Every structure is written in structure tokens, then in C-alpha cells.
N, C-alpha and C. Protein backbone atom coordinates (compact mmCIF):
# COMPACT_ATOMS: atom_id res chain seq x y z
N MET A 1 -155.57 17.02 92.63
CA MET A 1 -154.77 16.72 93.71
C MET A 1 -155.49 16.59 95.10
N LEU A 2 -156.63 17.10 95.03
CA LEU A 2 -157.41 16.87 96.40
C LEU A 2 -157.90 15.42 96.25
N ASP A 3 -158.52 14.83 95.10
CA ASP A 3 -158.54 13.34 94.76
C ASP A 3 -157.81 12.56 95.13
N PHE A 4 -156.58 13.12 95.00
CA PHE A 4 -155.12 12.04 95.19
C PHE A 4 -155.05 11.98 96.82
N ALA A 5 -155.15 12.85 97.48
CA ALA A 5 -155.39 12.95 98.95
C ALA A 5 -156.35 12.37 99.86
N GLN A 6 -157.68 12.20 99.17
CA GLN A 6 -158.74 11.32 99.59
C GLN A 6 -158.10 9.82 99.30
N HIS A 7 -157.77 9.68 98.16
CA HIS A 7 -157.35 8.21 97.62
C HIS A 7 -156.59 7.95 98.83
N LEU A 8 -155.53 8.84 99.15
CA LEU A 8 -154.73 7.90 100.55
C LEU A 8 -155.52 7.75 101.53
N VAL A 9 -156.21 8.93 101.93
CA VAL A 9 -156.71 8.62 103.07
C VAL A 9 -157.96 7.47 103.29
N THR A 10 -158.66 6.99 102.38
CA THR A 10 -159.65 6.13 102.02
C THR A 10 -158.43 4.53 102.00
N ASN A 11 -157.75 4.89 101.55
CA ASN A 11 -156.77 3.33 101.31
C ASN A 11 -155.62 3.24 102.21
N THR A 12 -155.69 3.79 103.45
CA THR A 12 -154.89 3.72 104.43
C THR A 12 -155.49 2.60 105.52
N ASP A 13 -154.69 1.80 106.06
CA ASP A 13 -155.19 0.97 107.12
C ASP A 13 -154.50 1.23 108.39
N LEU A 14 -155.73 1.89 108.98
CA LEU A 14 -155.09 2.41 110.35
C LEU A 14 -155.55 1.42 111.72
N SER A 15 -155.95 -0.07 111.34
CA SER A 15 -156.63 -0.72 112.38
C SER A 15 -155.71 -1.09 113.23
N VAL A 16 -154.54 -1.36 112.76
CA VAL A 16 -153.22 -1.67 113.59
C VAL A 16 -152.19 -0.67 113.98
N LEU A 17 -152.54 0.28 115.03
CA LEU A 17 -151.77 1.29 115.50
C LEU A 17 -150.43 1.14 116.16
N HIS A 18 -150.06 0.13 116.57
CA HIS A 18 -148.65 -0.08 117.23
C HIS A 18 -147.80 -0.04 115.91
N THR A 19 -146.10 0.46 116.62
CA THR A 19 -145.27 0.81 115.31
C THR A 19 -144.70 -0.50 114.99
N SER A 20 -144.49 -1.38 115.50
CA SER A 20 -143.94 -2.80 114.98
C SER A 20 -145.03 -3.19 113.74
N ALA A 21 -146.26 -3.11 113.65
CA ALA A 21 -146.72 -3.71 112.92
C ALA A 21 -147.35 -2.84 111.72
N ILE A 22 -146.82 -1.48 111.55
CA ILE A 22 -146.83 -0.64 110.47
C ILE A 22 -145.78 -0.88 109.46
N ASN A 23 -146.58 -1.33 108.10
CA ASN A 23 -145.59 -1.34 106.91
C ASN A 23 -146.31 -0.49 105.93
N PHE A 24 -145.68 0.62 105.94
CA PHE A 24 -145.89 1.90 105.05
C PHE A 24 -146.19 1.38 103.62
N ALA A 25 -145.55 0.61 102.94
CA ALA A 25 -145.55 0.52 101.51
C ALA A 25 -146.81 -0.26 101.18
N SER A 26 -147.00 -1.11 102.27
CA SER A 26 -148.24 -2.15 102.09
C SER A 26 -149.45 -1.32 102.38
N ASN A 27 -149.58 -0.39 103.44
CA ASN A 27 -150.59 0.36 103.98
C ASN A 27 -151.09 1.46 102.92
N LEU A 28 -150.21 2.17 102.41
CA LEU A 28 -150.47 3.30 101.65
C LEU A 28 -151.14 3.01 100.17
N HIS A 29 -150.95 1.97 99.34
CA HIS A 29 -151.08 1.57 98.61
C HIS A 29 -150.69 2.43 97.24
N LEU A 30 -149.71 3.10 97.54
CA LEU A 30 -149.44 4.22 96.80
C LEU A 30 -148.01 3.81 95.65
N ASN A 31 -148.44 4.12 94.35
CA ASN A 31 -147.79 3.87 93.29
C ASN A 31 -147.51 4.94 92.44
N LEU A 32 -146.50 4.95 91.32
CA LEU A 32 -146.47 5.95 90.67
C LEU A 32 -147.51 6.47 89.69
N THR A 33 -148.21 5.49 89.19
CA THR A 33 -149.34 5.70 88.36
C THR A 33 -150.43 6.39 88.88
N ASP A 34 -150.69 6.31 90.08
CA ASP A 34 -151.67 6.87 90.91
C ASP A 34 -151.32 8.38 90.98
N LEU A 35 -150.19 8.41 91.41
CA LEU A 35 -149.47 9.68 91.81
C LEU A 35 -149.52 10.84 90.14
N HIS A 36 -149.03 9.79 89.27
CA HIS A 36 -149.24 10.78 87.92
C HIS A 36 -150.54 11.12 87.39
N SER A 37 -151.46 10.35 87.67
CA SER A 37 -152.84 10.53 87.17
C SER A 37 -153.60 11.43 87.80
N HIS A 38 -153.08 11.91 88.96
CA HIS A 38 -153.86 13.04 89.89
C HIS A 38 -153.12 14.44 89.64
N ILE A 39 -151.94 14.73 89.14
CA ILE A 39 -150.99 15.90 88.98
C ILE A 39 -151.49 16.21 87.93
N ASN A 40 -152.07 17.51 87.85
CA ASN A 40 -152.50 18.45 86.67
C ASN A 40 -151.17 19.10 86.25
N MET A 41 -150.66 18.87 85.35
CA MET A 41 -149.56 19.30 84.78
C MET A 41 -149.45 20.62 84.19
N ASP A 42 -150.89 21.09 83.73
CA ASP A 42 -151.02 22.48 83.27
C ASP A 42 -150.99 23.72 84.75
N LEU A 43 -151.26 23.24 85.77
CA LEU A 43 -151.12 23.97 87.04
C LEU A 43 -149.51 24.11 87.23
N VAL A 44 -148.84 22.83 87.26
CA VAL A 44 -147.44 23.11 87.44
C VAL A 44 -146.50 23.95 86.51
N ALA A 45 -146.94 23.85 85.23
CA ALA A 45 -146.19 24.57 84.27
C ALA A 45 -146.77 26.28 84.08
N GLN A 46 -147.41 26.61 84.84
CA GLN A 46 -147.77 27.96 84.36
C GLN A 46 -146.74 29.01 85.12
N GLN A 47 -146.69 29.88 84.14
CA GLN A 47 -145.59 30.80 84.50
C GLN A 47 -146.40 32.35 84.53
N PHE A 48 -145.74 33.09 85.84
CA PHE A 48 -146.76 34.45 85.79
C PHE A 48 -145.49 35.48 85.61
N LYS A 49 -145.97 36.74 84.61
CA LYS A 49 -145.18 37.55 84.53
C LYS A 49 -146.03 38.67 85.25
N GLN A 50 -145.67 39.34 86.43
CA GLN A 50 -146.32 40.06 87.14
C GLN A 50 -145.36 41.45 87.56
N ASP A 51 -145.90 42.69 87.59
CA ASP A 51 -145.27 43.95 88.02
C ASP A 51 -145.93 44.24 89.20
N ILE A 52 -145.15 43.67 90.47
CA ILE A 52 -146.03 44.28 91.73
C ILE A 52 -145.68 45.48 91.99
N THR A 53 -144.71 46.15 91.90
CA THR A 53 -144.22 47.48 92.09
C THR A 53 -145.42 48.48 91.12
N GLY A 54 -145.46 48.08 89.78
CA GLY A 54 -146.45 48.90 89.12
C GLY A 54 -147.78 48.95 89.26
N ASP A 55 -148.41 47.29 89.73
CA ASP A 55 -149.52 47.34 90.30
C ASP A 55 -149.91 47.88 91.55
N PHE A 56 -148.99 48.12 92.69
CA PHE A 56 -149.06 48.93 93.58
C PHE A 56 -149.05 50.58 93.37
N ALA A 57 -148.14 50.98 92.17
CA ALA A 57 -148.55 52.31 91.73
C ALA A 57 -149.98 52.79 91.21
N ARG A 58 -150.37 51.86 90.42
CA ARG A 58 -151.63 52.14 89.83
C ARG A 58 -152.77 51.88 90.94
N GLY A 59 -152.51 51.29 91.84
CA GLY A 59 -153.90 50.79 92.90
C GLY A 59 -153.45 52.13 93.88
N TRP A 60 -152.32 52.82 93.96
CA TRP A 60 -151.99 53.84 94.73
C TRP A 60 -152.56 55.43 94.11
N ASP A 61 -152.25 55.53 93.06
CA ASP A 61 -153.28 56.71 91.85
C ASP A 61 -154.27 56.46 91.87
N ASN A 62 -155.10 55.33 91.93
CA ASN A 62 -156.65 55.00 91.95
C ASN A 62 -156.89 55.42 93.26
N PHE A 63 -156.33 55.12 94.17
CA PHE A 63 -156.47 55.46 95.62
C PHE A 63 -156.63 56.79 95.99
N VAL A 64 -155.75 57.89 95.05
CA VAL A 64 -155.71 59.03 95.33
C VAL A 64 -156.85 59.77 94.40
N LYS A 65 -156.98 59.39 93.36
CA LYS A 65 -157.60 60.10 92.22
C LYS A 65 -158.89 59.77 92.38
N THR A 66 -159.46 58.44 93.19
CA THR A 66 -161.22 58.84 93.60
C THR A 66 -161.33 59.55 94.83
N GLY A 67 -160.46 59.91 95.56
CA GLY A 67 -160.50 60.80 96.48
C GLY A 67 -160.94 59.86 97.91
N GLN A 68 -160.60 58.62 97.81
CA GLN A 68 -160.60 57.56 98.58
C GLN A 68 -159.41 58.27 100.03
N ILE A 69 -158.35 58.78 99.70
CA ILE A 69 -157.20 58.99 100.40
C ILE A 69 -158.25 60.32 101.51
N TRP A 70 -158.67 61.08 101.03
CA TRP A 70 -159.60 61.86 101.94
C TRP A 70 -160.34 61.37 102.86
N ALA A 71 -161.13 60.41 102.23
CA ALA A 71 -162.09 59.79 103.40
C ALA A 71 -161.53 58.87 104.34
N LEU A 72 -160.10 58.35 104.17
CA LEU A 72 -159.56 57.81 105.16
C LEU A 72 -158.80 58.78 106.13
N MET A 73 -158.46 59.79 105.87
CA MET A 73 -157.71 60.83 106.68
C MET A 73 -159.02 61.49 107.38
N ILE A 74 -159.95 61.83 106.96
CA ILE A 74 -161.35 62.13 107.74
C ILE A 74 -161.46 61.04 108.62
N GLY A 75 -161.54 60.13 108.27
CA GLY A 75 -162.13 58.66 109.15
C GLY A 75 -161.15 58.65 110.46
N ILE A 76 -159.89 58.72 109.91
CA ILE A 76 -158.84 58.81 111.08
C ILE A 76 -159.04 59.91 111.91
N ALA A 77 -159.33 61.23 111.65
CA ALA A 77 -159.44 62.19 112.43
C ALA A 77 -160.59 61.90 113.37
N VAL A 78 -162.00 61.74 112.79
CA VAL A 78 -163.06 61.68 113.46
C VAL A 78 -163.16 60.36 114.25
N GLY A 79 -162.58 59.32 114.04
CA GLY A 79 -162.32 58.29 114.78
C GLY A 79 -161.44 58.72 116.06
N TYR A 80 -160.41 59.24 115.75
CA TYR A 80 -159.59 59.84 116.98
C TYR A 80 -160.24 60.83 118.09
N LEU A 81 -161.06 61.55 117.45
CA LEU A 81 -161.85 62.59 118.15
C LEU A 81 -163.05 61.72 119.16
N PHE A 82 -163.72 60.97 118.50
CA PHE A 82 -164.45 60.12 119.19
C PHE A 82 -163.76 59.01 120.19
N ARG A 83 -162.39 58.56 120.14
CA ARG A 83 -162.16 57.93 121.05
C ARG A 83 -161.39 58.78 122.08
N SER A 84 -160.83 60.07 121.76
CA SER A 84 -160.55 60.84 122.95
C SER A 84 -161.75 61.36 123.66
N ILE A 85 -163.02 61.55 123.13
CA ILE A 85 -164.26 61.56 124.15
C ILE A 85 -164.53 60.68 124.80
N SER A 86 -164.69 59.41 124.16
CA SER A 86 -164.98 58.35 124.82
C SER A 86 -164.18 57.47 125.83
N MET A 87 -162.76 57.93 125.81
CA MET A 87 -161.95 57.34 126.80
C MET A 87 -161.56 58.37 127.84
N GLY A 88 -161.84 59.59 127.61
CA GLY A 88 -161.39 60.55 128.35
C GLY A 88 -161.82 61.08 129.52
């Protein structure tokens, strides 16, 4: 798709900028065969089956099981103490 965008940029004629002389059909040189050759149909046709709530639950369980939640709470408490000392 990026190649198609670069094709459009390189094939546009911007030498005439006033609006009465711009003819988009002749300046863009765009036809359907160029468009079709640059679209990857495998990417367009992909389907995703994803369980967002299940992923979040597994992530939270891992966060708690590995003890990272304790590091978060200790970090918040220590950060609050340092903030109160330095600001107060």
C-alpha cells in the first residue's frame, strides 16, 4: 500500500497550482489496475478471534501471581512519602 502512495506522489503534477488548471483525472494517473496490484488481499481478508476480557484477566492474574502488585503499592507509598518530603 505504501508503494501505491509513493506512486501517487511521484506521478502527480504539481507544477500548476491554480484551481482552474487542475484536472485530477489526468494529473493523478490513477487507474484500477494500479490500485488492484498494490492491495494485499491477504491482509484485507484476515479475521481475528480475540477474547479481550480473558486476556485482561490472565494479565491481571499474572500481575498478582508474580508479586508485581506489591511492587506497585510500595512504589506508590514511597513516591508519596518522597513527594510530601520534597514539596512540604
